[in-house]
Amino acid sequence: MDEEAIVQALIPVRGIGRWTVEMMLMFRLGRPDLLPVDDLGVRKGAQRVDRQEQMPTPKELAIRGERWGPYRSYAAFYLWKIAD
């Protein structure tokens, strides 16, 4: 199953949202090509890299992240580290 199919299959479960499924895919299933664009830490890291006053929107980050495939999860790891 691809990532989006797994997300769509699990988010109807009460208490499970997109972020939860994306973290499971990255950390438990080791999926290398997932950029959690709604994650505050990822957005804050991108803001710091770009030296912007505002965080990028999830849509802006998704567009930017397209070129990081097929290793977007690793980009997320770096962005989290930068945000710390």
PDB file of N, CA and C in Angstrom:
ATOM      1  N   MET A   1       0.842  -1.191   0.000  1.00  0.00           N
ATOM      2  CA  MET A   1       0.000   0.000   0.000  1.00  0.00           C
ATOM      3  C   MET A   1       0.881   1.245   0.000  1.00  0.00           C
ATOM      4  N   ASP A   2       0.447   2.244  -0.721  1.00  0.00           N
ATOM      5  CA  ASP A   2       1.195   3.493  -0.676  1.00  0.00           C
ATOM      6  C   ASP A   2       0.789   4.292   0.564  1.00  0.00           C
ATOM      7  N   GLU A   3       1.567   5.324   0.865  1.00  0.00           N
ATOM      8  CA  GLU A   3       1.367   6.095   2.091  1.00  0.00           C
ATOM      9  C   GLU A   3      -0.026   6.712   2.183  1.00  0.00           C
ATOM     10  N   GLU A   4      -0.489   7.308   1.107  1.00  0.00           N
ATOM     11  CA  GLU A   4      -1.791   7.979   1.142  1.00  0.00           C
ATOM     12  C   GLU A   4      -2.926   6.982   1.363  1.00  0.00           C
ATOM     13  N   ALA A   5      -2.822   5.796   0.805  1.00  0.00           N
ATOM     14  CA  ALA A   5      -3.843   4.764   1.016  1.00  0.00           C
ATOM     15  C   ALA A   5      -3.880   4.340   2.482  1.00  0.00           C
ATOM     16  N   ILE A   6      -2.720   4.235   3.104  1.00  0.00           N
ATOM     17  CA  ILE A   6      -2.661   3.872   4.525  1.00  0.00           C
ATOM     18  C   ILE A   6      -3.259   4.990   5.372  1.00  0.00           C
ATOM     19  N   VAL A   7      -2.923   6.235   5.052  1.00  0.00           N
ATOM     20  CA  VAL A   7      -3.488   7.375   5.782  1.00  0.00           C
ATOM     21  C   VAL A   7      -5.009   7.348   5.689  1.00  0.00           C
ATOM     22  N   GLN A   8      -5.532   7.188   4.487  1.00  0.00           N
ATOM     23  CA  GLN A   8      -6.984   7.190   4.294  1.00  0.00           C
ATOM     24  C   GLN A   8      -7.662   6.003   4.976  1.00  0.00           C
ATOM     25  N   ALA A   9      -6.966   4.884   5.092  1.00  0.00           N
ATOM     26  CA  ALA A   9      -7.544   3.711   5.751  1.00  0.00           C
ATOM     27  C   ALA A   9      -7.603   3.874   7.267  1.00  0.00           C
ATOM     28  N   LEU A  10      -6.657   4.626   7.842  1.00  0.00           N
ATOM     29  CA  LEU A  10      -6.573   4.708   9.301  1.00  0.00           C
ATOM     30  C   LEU A  10      -7.215   5.941   9.925  1.00  0.00           C
ATOM     31  N   ILE A  11      -7.320   7.045   9.189  1.00  0.00           N
ATOM     32  CA  ILE A  11      -7.861   8.248   9.837  1.00  0.00           C
ATOM     33  C   ILE A  11      -9.343   8.156  10.219  1.00  0.00           C
ATOM     34  N   PRO A  12     -10.128   7.251   9.642  1.00  0.00           N
ATOM     35  CA  PRO A  12     -11.498   7.128  10.163  1.00  0.00           C
ATOM     36  C   PRO A  12     -11.559   6.565  11.589  1.00  0.00           C
ATOM     37  N   VAL A  13     -10.475   5.943  12.052  1.00  0.00           N
ATOM     38  CA  VAL A  13     -10.448   5.412  13.414  1.00  0.00           C
ATOM     39  C   VAL A  13     -10.409   6.596  14.379  1.00  0.00           C
ATOM     40  N   ARG A  14     -11.317   6.589  15.330  1.00  0.00           N
ATOM     41  CA  ARG A  14     -11.420   7.692  16.284  1.00  0.00           C
ATOM     42  C   ARG A  14     -10.092   7.878  17.027  1.00  0.00           C
ATOM     43  N   GLY A  15      -9.615   9.122  17.053  1.00  0.00           N
ATOM     44  CA  GLY A  15      -8.390   9.446  17.764  1.00  0.00           C
ATOM     45  C   GLY A  15      -7.130   9.358  16.921  1.00  0.00           C
ATOM     46  N   ILE A  16      -7.256   8.906  15.682  1.00  0.00           N
ATOM     47  CA  ILE A  16      -6.096   8.802  14.794  1.00  0.00           C
ATOM     48  C   ILE A  16      -6.259   9.825  13.680  1.00  0.00           C
ATOM     49  N   GLY A  17      -5.256  10.670  13.543  1.00  0.00           N
ATOM     50  CA  GLY A  17      -5.270  11.680  12.491  1.00  0.00           C
ATOM     51  C   GLY A  17      -4.114  11.485  11.530  1.00  0.00           C
ATOM     52  N   ARG A  18      -4.045  12.353  10.568  1.00  0.00           N
ATOM     53  CA  ARG A  18      -2.991  12.275   9.548  1.00  0.00           C
ATOM     54  C   ARG A  18      -1.601  12.278  10.181  1.00  0.00           C
ATOM     55  N   TRP A  19      -1.351  13.188  11.139  1.00  0.00           N
ATOM     56  CA  TRP A  19      -0.033  13.283  11.762  1.00  0.00           C
ATOM     57  C   TRP A  19       0.354  11.963  12.429  1.00  0.00           C
ATOM     58  N   THR A  20      -0.572  11.357  13.143  1.00  0.00           N
ATOM     59  CA  THR A  20      -0.298  10.094  13.825  1.00  0.00           C
ATOM     60  C   THR A  20       0.092   9.010  12.834  1.00  0.00           C
ATOM     61  N   VAL A  21      -0.641   8.911  11.751  1.00  0.00           N
ATOM     62  CA  VAL A  21      -0.347   7.892  10.737  1.00  0.00           C
ATOM     63  C   VAL A  21       1.001   8.178  10.080  1.00  0.00           C
ATOM     64  N   GLU A  22       1.279   9.433   9.784  1.00  0.00           N
ATOM     65  CA  GLU A  22       2.561   9.769   9.156  1.00  0.00           C
ATOM     66  C   GLU A  22       3.733   9.430  10.067  1.00  0.00           C
ATOM     67  N   MET A  23       3.594   9.672  11.373  1.00  0.00           N
ATOM     68  CA  MET A  23       4.671   9.324  12.307  1.00  0.00           C
ATOM     69  C   MET A  23       4.863   7.811  12.373  1.00  0.00           C
ATOM     70  N   MET A  24       3.762   7.058  12.354  1.00  0.00           N
ATOM     71  CA  MET A  24       3.857   5.602  12.346  1.00  0.00           C
ATOM     72  C   MET A  24       4.575   5.118  11.086  1.00  0.00           C
ATOM     73  N   LEU A  25       4.217   5.699   9.953  1.00  0.00           N
ATOM     74  CA  LEU A  25       4.846   5.295   8.692  1.00  0.00           C
ATOM     75  C   LEU A  25       6.342   5.582   8.705  1.00  0.00           C
ATOM     76  N   MET A  26       6.731   6.714   9.258  1.00  0.00           N
ATOM     77  CA  MET A  26       8.149   7.079   9.273  1.00  0.00           C
ATOM     78  C   MET A  26       8.936   6.280  10.307  1.00  0.00           C
ATOM     79  N   PHE A  27       8.438   6.240  11.539  1.00  0.00           N
ATOM     80  CA  PHE A  27       9.234   5.695  12.635  1.00  0.00           C
ATOM     81  C   PHE A  27       9.038   4.203  12.881  1.00  0.00           C
ATOM     82  N   ARG A  28       7.873   3.659  12.580  1.00  0.00           N
ATOM     83  CA  ARG A  28       7.641   2.232  12.812  1.00  0.00           C
ATOM     84  C   ARG A  28       7.808   1.404  11.544  1.00  0.00           C
ATOM     85  N   LEU A  29       7.395   1.952  10.415  1.00  0.00           N
ATOM     86  CA  LEU A  29       7.489   1.204   9.162  1.00  0.00           C
ATOM     87  C   LEU A  29       8.678   1.629   8.308  1.00  0.00           C
ATOM     88  N   GLY A  30       9.395   2.662   8.732  1.00  0.00           N
ATOM     89  CA  GLY A  30      10.610   3.081   8.046  1.00  0.00           C
ATOM     90  C   GLY A  30      10.408   3.594   6.633  1.00  0.00           C
ATOM     91  N   ARG A  31       9.281   4.229   6.373  1.00  0.00           N
ATOM     92  CA  ARG A  31       9.027   4.762   5.028  1.00  0.00           C
ATOM     93  C   ARG A  31       9.940   5.963   4.780  1.00  0.00           C
ATOM     94  N   PRO A  32      10.757   5.927   3.726  1.00  0.00           N
ATOM     95  CA  PRO A  32      11.742   6.990   3.499  1.00  0.00           C
ATOM     96  C   PRO A  32      11.224   8.212   2.746  1.00  0.00           C
ATOM     97  N   ASP A  33      10.018   8.152   2.207  1.00  0.00           N
ATOM     98  CA  ASP A  33       9.561   9.239   1.335  1.00  0.00           C
ATOM     99  C   ASP A  33       8.276   9.871   1.843  1.00  0.00           C
ATOM    100  N   LEU A  34       8.346  10.429   3.048  1.00  0.00           N
ATOM    101  CA  LEU A  34       7.160  11.026   3.640  1.00  0.00           C
ATOM    102  C   LEU A  34       7.546  12.354   4.282  1.00  0.00           C
ATOM    103  N   LEU A  35       6.915  13.419   3.886  1.00  0.00           N
ATOM    104  CA  LEU A  35       7.172  14.735   4.470  1.00  0.00           C
ATOM    105  C   LEU A  35       5.903  15.194   5.182  1.00  0.00           C
ATOM    106  N   PRO A  36       5.911  15.174   6.523  1.00  0.00           N
ATOM    107  CA  PRO A  36       4.717  15.588   7.264  1.00  0.00           C
ATOM    108  C   PRO A  36       4.560  17.112   7.250  1.00  0.00           C
ATOM    109  N   VAL A  37       3.930  17.618   6.217  1.00  0.00           N
ATOM    110  CA  VAL A  37       3.860  19.068   5.982  1.00  0.00           C
ATOM    111  C   VAL A  37       3.017  19.813   7.013  1.00  0.00           C
ATOM    112  N   ASP A  38       2.176  19.109   7.761  1.00  0.00           N
ATOM    113  CA  ASP A  38       1.373  19.753   8.797  1.00  0.00           C
ATOM    114  C   ASP A  38       2.106  19.826  10.132  1.00  0.00           C
ATOM    115  N   ASP A  39       3.257  19.180  10.231  1.00  0.00           N
ATOM    116  CA  ASP A  39       4.004  19.124  11.484  1.00  0.00           C
ATOM    117  C   ASP A  39       4.638  20.483  11.782  1.00  0.00           C
ATOM    118  N   LEU A  40       4.408  20.978  12.985  1.00  0.00           N
ATOM    119  CA  LEU A  40       4.912  22.294  13.374  1.00  0.00           C
ATOM    120  C   LEU A  40       6.436  22.349  13.337  1.00  0.00           C
ATOM    121  N   GLY A  41       7.105  21.303  13.800  1.00  0.00           N
ATOM    122  CA  GLY A  41       8.566  21.287  13.800  1.00  0.00           C
ATOM    123  C   GLY A  41       9.153  21.316  12.403  1.00  0.00           C
ATOM    124  N   VAL A  42       8.556  20.590  11.484  1.00  0.00           N
ATOM    125  CA  VAL A  42       9.022  20.587  10.092  1.00  0.00           C
ATOM    126  C   VAL A  42       8.837  21.978   9.488  1.00  0.00           C
ATOM    127  N   ARG A  43       7.697  22.569   9.735  1.00  0.00           N
ATOM    128  CA  ARG A  43       7.434  23.910   9.198  1.00  0.00           C
ATOM    129  C   ARG A  43       8.369  24.951   9.812  1.00  0.00           C
ATOM    130  N   LYS A  44       8.626  24.828  11.121  1.00  0.00           N
ATOM    131  CA  LYS A  44       9.524  25.767  11.780  1.00  0.00           C
ATOM    132  C   LYS A  44      10.954  25.605  11.272  1.00  0.00           C
ATOM    133  N   GLY A  45      11.387  24.368  11.044  1.00  0.00           N
ATOM    134  CA  GLY A  45      12.712  24.133  10.479  1.00  0.00           C
ATOM    135  C   GLY A  45      12.853  24.744   9.101  1.00  0.00           C
ATOM    136  N   ALA A  46      11.832  24.593   8.273  1.00  0.00           N
ATOM    137  CA  ALA A  46      11.856  25.189   6.933  1.00  0.00           C
ATOM    138  C   ALA A  46      11.899  26.707   7.024  1.00  0.00           C
ATOM    139  N   GLN A  47      11.191  27.263   7.984  1.00  0.00           N
ATOM    140  CA  GLN A  47      11.211  28.713   8.190  1.00  0.00           C
ATOM    141  C   GLN A  47      12.620  29.185   8.533  1.00  0.00           C
ATOM    142  N   ARG A  48      13.301  28.448   9.401  1.00  0.00           N
ATOM    143  CA  ARG A  48      14.660  28.842   9.791  1.00  0.00           C
ATOM    144  C   ARG A  48      15.646  28.683   8.644  1.00  0.00           C
ATOM    145  N   VAL A  49      15.508  27.620   7.870  1.00  0.00           N
ATOM    146  CA  VAL A  49      16.395  27.419   6.722  1.00  0.00           C
ATOM    147  C   VAL A  49      16.260  28.579   5.742  1.00  0.00           C
ATOM    148  N   ASP A  50      15.024  28.999   5.513  1.00  0.00           N
ATOM    149  CA  ASP A  50      14.758  30.072   4.551  1.00  0.00           C
ATOM    150  C   ASP A  50      14.927  31.470   5.139  1.00  0.00           C
ATOM    151  N   ARG A  51      15.136  31.531   6.460  1.00  0.00           N
ATOM    152  CA  ARG A  51      15.258  32.821   7.161  1.00  0.00           C
ATOM    153  C   ARG A  51      14.059  33.723   6.874  1.00  0.00           C
ATOM    154  N   GLN A  52      12.882  33.131   7.033  1.00  0.00           N
ATOM    155  CA  GLN A  52      11.635  33.860   6.799  1.00  0.00           C
ATOM    156  C   GLN A  52      11.009  34.269   8.130  1.00  0.00           C
ATOM    157  N   GLU A  53      10.152  35.260   8.090  1.00  0.00           N
ATOM    158  CA  GLU A  53       9.460  35.699   9.299  1.00  0.00           C
ATOM    159  C   GLU A  53       8.280  34.794   9.627  1.00  0.00           C
ATOM    160  N   GLN A  54       7.681  34.189   8.606  1.00  0.00           N
ATOM    161  CA  GLN A  54       6.535  33.305   8.820  1.00  0.00           C
ATOM    162  C   GLN A  54       6.861  31.897   8.341  1.00  0.00           C
ATOM    163  N   MET A  55       6.217  30.936   8.991  1.00  0.00           N
ATOM    164  CA  MET A  55       6.393  29.553   8.563  1.00  0.00           C
ATOM    165  C   MET A  55       5.714  29.334   7.217  1.00  0.00           C
ATOM    166  N   PRO A  56       6.256  28.437   6.402  1.00  0.00           N
ATOM    167  CA  PRO A  56       5.575  28.124   5.143  1.00  0.00           C
ATOM    168  C   PRO A  56       4.265  27.399   5.431  1.00  0.00           C
ATOM    169  N   THR A  57       3.307  27.556   4.556  1.00  0.00           N
ATOM    170  CA  THR A  57       2.055  26.815   4.695  1.00  0.00           C
ATOM    171  C   THR A  57       2.325  25.353   4.340  1.00  0.00           C
ATOM    172  N   PRO A  58       1.470  24.455   4.782  1.00  0.00           N
ATOM    173  CA  PRO A  58       1.650  23.059   4.382  1.00  0.00           C
ATOM    174  C   PRO A  58       1.700  22.882   2.865  1.00  0.00           C
ATOM    175  N   LYS A  59       0.878  23.640   2.143  1.00  0.00           N
ATOM    176  CA  LYS A  59       0.877  23.530   0.680  1.00  0.00           C
ATOM    177  C   LYS A  59       2.214  23.980   0.095  1.00  0.00           C
ATOM    178  N   GLU A  60       2.740  25.101   0.581  1.00  0.00           N
ATOM    179  CA  GLU A  60       4.039  25.587   0.103  1.00  0.00           C
ATOM    180  C   GLU A  60       5.139  24.576   0.389  1.00  0.00           C
ATOM    181  N   LEU A  61       5.100  23.996   1.577  1.00  0.00           N
ATOM    182  CA  LEU A  61       6.113  23.015   1.958  1.00  0.00           C
ATOM    183  C   LEU A  61       5.998  21.747   1.120  1.00  0.00           C
ATOM    184  N   ALA A  62       4.784  21.330   0.815  1.00  0.00           N
ATOM    185  CA  ALA A  62       4.588  20.141  -0.026  1.00  0.00           C
ATOM    186  C   ALA A  62       5.155  20.364  -1.422  1.00  0.00           C
ATOM    187  N   ILE A  63       4.920  21.542  -1.974  1.00  0.00           N
ATOM    188  CA  ILE A  63       5.451  21.853  -3.306  1.00  0.00           C
ATOM    189  C   ILE A  63       6.974  21.853  -3.276  1.00  0.00           C
ATOM    190  N   ARG A  64       7.529  22.495  -2.269  1.00  0.00           N
ATOM    191  CA  ARG A  64       8.989  22.534  -2.138  1.00  0.00           C
ATOM    192  C   ARG A  64       9.570  21.140  -1.931  1.00  0.00           C
ATOM    193  N   GLY A  65       8.875  20.327  -1.149  1.00  0.00           N
ATOM    194  CA  GLY A  65       9.370  18.999  -0.825  1.00  0.00           C
ATOM    195  C   GLY A  65       9.319  17.999  -1.963  1.00  0.00           C
ATOM    196  N   GLU A  66       8.611  18.309  -3.024  1.00  0.00           N
ATOM    197  CA  GLU A  66       8.533  17.375  -4.155  1.00  0.00           C
ATOM    198  C   GLU A  66       9.910  17.027  -4.698  1.00  0.00           C
ATOM    199  N   ARG A  67      10.810  17.980  -4.704  1.00  0.00           N
ATOM    200  CA  ARG A  67      12.145  17.714  -5.260  1.00  0.00           C
ATOM    201  C   ARG A  67      13.021  16.884  -4.325  1.00  0.00           C
ATOM    202  N   TRP A  68      12.598  16.704  -3.077  1.00  0.00           N
ATOM    203  CA  TRP A  68      13.382  15.929  -2.122  1.00  0.00           C
ATOM    204  C   TRP A  68      13.088  14.439  -2.198  1.00  0.00           C
ATOM    205  N   GLY A  69      12.085  14.068  -2.981  1.00  0.00           N
ATOM    206  CA  GLY A  69      11.744  12.657  -3.120  1.00  0.00           C
ATOM    207  C   GLY A  69      12.858  11.914  -3.819  1.00  0.00           C
ATOM    208  N   PRO A  70      13.051  10.682  -3.580  1.00  0.00           N
ATOM    209  CA  PRO A  70      12.251   9.783  -2.744  1.00  0.00           C
ATOM    210  C   PRO A  70      12.736   9.683  -1.298  1.00  0.00           C
ATOM    211  N   TYR A  71      13.352  10.746  -0.783  1.00  0.00           N
ATOM    212  CA  TYR A  71      13.902  10.704   0.576  1.00  0.00           C
ATOM    213  C   TYR A  71      13.383  11.840   1.448  1.00  0.00           C
ATOM    214  N   ARG A  72      12.118  12.151   1.327  1.00  0.00           N
ATOM    215  CA  ARG A  72      11.546  13.271   2.075  1.00  0.00           C
ATOM    216  C   ARG A  72      11.551  13.061   3.582  1.00  0.00           C
ATOM    217  N   SER A  73      11.507  11.816   4.031  1.00  0.00           N
ATOM    218  CA  SER A  73      11.565  11.570   5.478  1.00  0.00           C
ATOM    219  C   SER A  73      12.880  12.076   6.051  1.00  0.00           C
ATOM    220  N   TYR A  74      13.959  11.898   5.316  1.00  0.00           N
ATOM    221  CA  TYR A  74      15.264  12.365   5.784  1.00  0.00           C
ATOM    222  C   TYR A  74      15.310  13.889   5.820  1.00  0.00           C
ATOM    223  N   ALA A  75      14.669  14.535   4.876  1.00  0.00           N
ATOM    224  CA  ALA A  75      14.562  15.997   4.911  1.00  0.00           C
ATOM    225  C   ALA A  75      13.805  16.423   6.166  1.00  0.00           C
ATOM    226  N   ALA A  76      12.746  15.692   6.511  1.00  0.00           N
ATOM    227  CA  ALA A  76      11.983  16.004   7.725  1.00  0.00           C
ATOM    228  C   ALA A  76      12.866  15.872   8.962  1.00  0.00           C
ATOM    229  N   PHE A  77      13.707  14.835   9.014  1.00  0.00           N
ATOM    230  CA  PHE A  77      14.605  14.659  10.161  1.00  0.00           C
ATOM    231  C   PHE A  77      15.523  15.874  10.316  1.00  0.00           C
ATOM    232  N   TYR A  78      16.076  16.345   9.207  1.00  0.00           N
ATOM    233  CA  TYR A  78      16.945  17.518   9.252  1.00  0.00           C
ATOM    234  C   TYR A  78      16.176  18.766   9.667  1.00  0.00           C
ATOM    235  N   LEU A  79      14.977  18.929   9.151  1.00  0.00           N
ATOM    236  CA  LEU A  79      14.182  20.106   9.506  1.00  0.00           C
ATOM    237  C   LEU A  79      13.807  20.096  10.981  1.00  0.00           C
ATOM    238  N   TRP A  80      13.497  18.918  11.533  1.00  0.00           N
ATOM    239  CA  TRP A  80      13.220  18.826  12.973  1.00  0.00           C
ATOM    240  C   TRP A  80      14.446  19.230  13.780  1.00  0.00           C
ATOM    241  N   LYS A  81      15.600  18.757  13.370  1.00  0.00           N
ATOM    242  CA  LYS A  81      16.840  19.077  14.084  1.00  0.00           C
ATOM    243  C   LYS A  81      17.110  20.579  14.037  1.00  0.00           C
ATOM    244  N   ILE A  82      16.908  21.189  12.891  1.00  0.00           N
ATOM    245  CA  ILE A  82      17.119  22.631  12.745  1.00  0.00           C
ATOM    246  C   ILE A  82      16.138  23.409  13.622  1.00  0.00           C
ATOM    247  N   ALA A  83      14.931  22.903  13.770  1.00  0.00           N
ATOM    248  CA  ALA A  83      13.906  23.590  14.564  1.00  0.00           C
ATOM    249  C   ALA A  83      14.197  23.540  16.061  1.00  0.00           C
ATOM    250  N   ASP A  84      14.973  22.556  16.502  1.00  0.00           N
ATOM    251  CA  ASP A  84      15.276  22.426  17.946  1.00  0.00           C
ATOM    252  C   ASP A  84      16.135  23.538  18.473  1.00  0.00           C
TER     253      ASP A  84
END
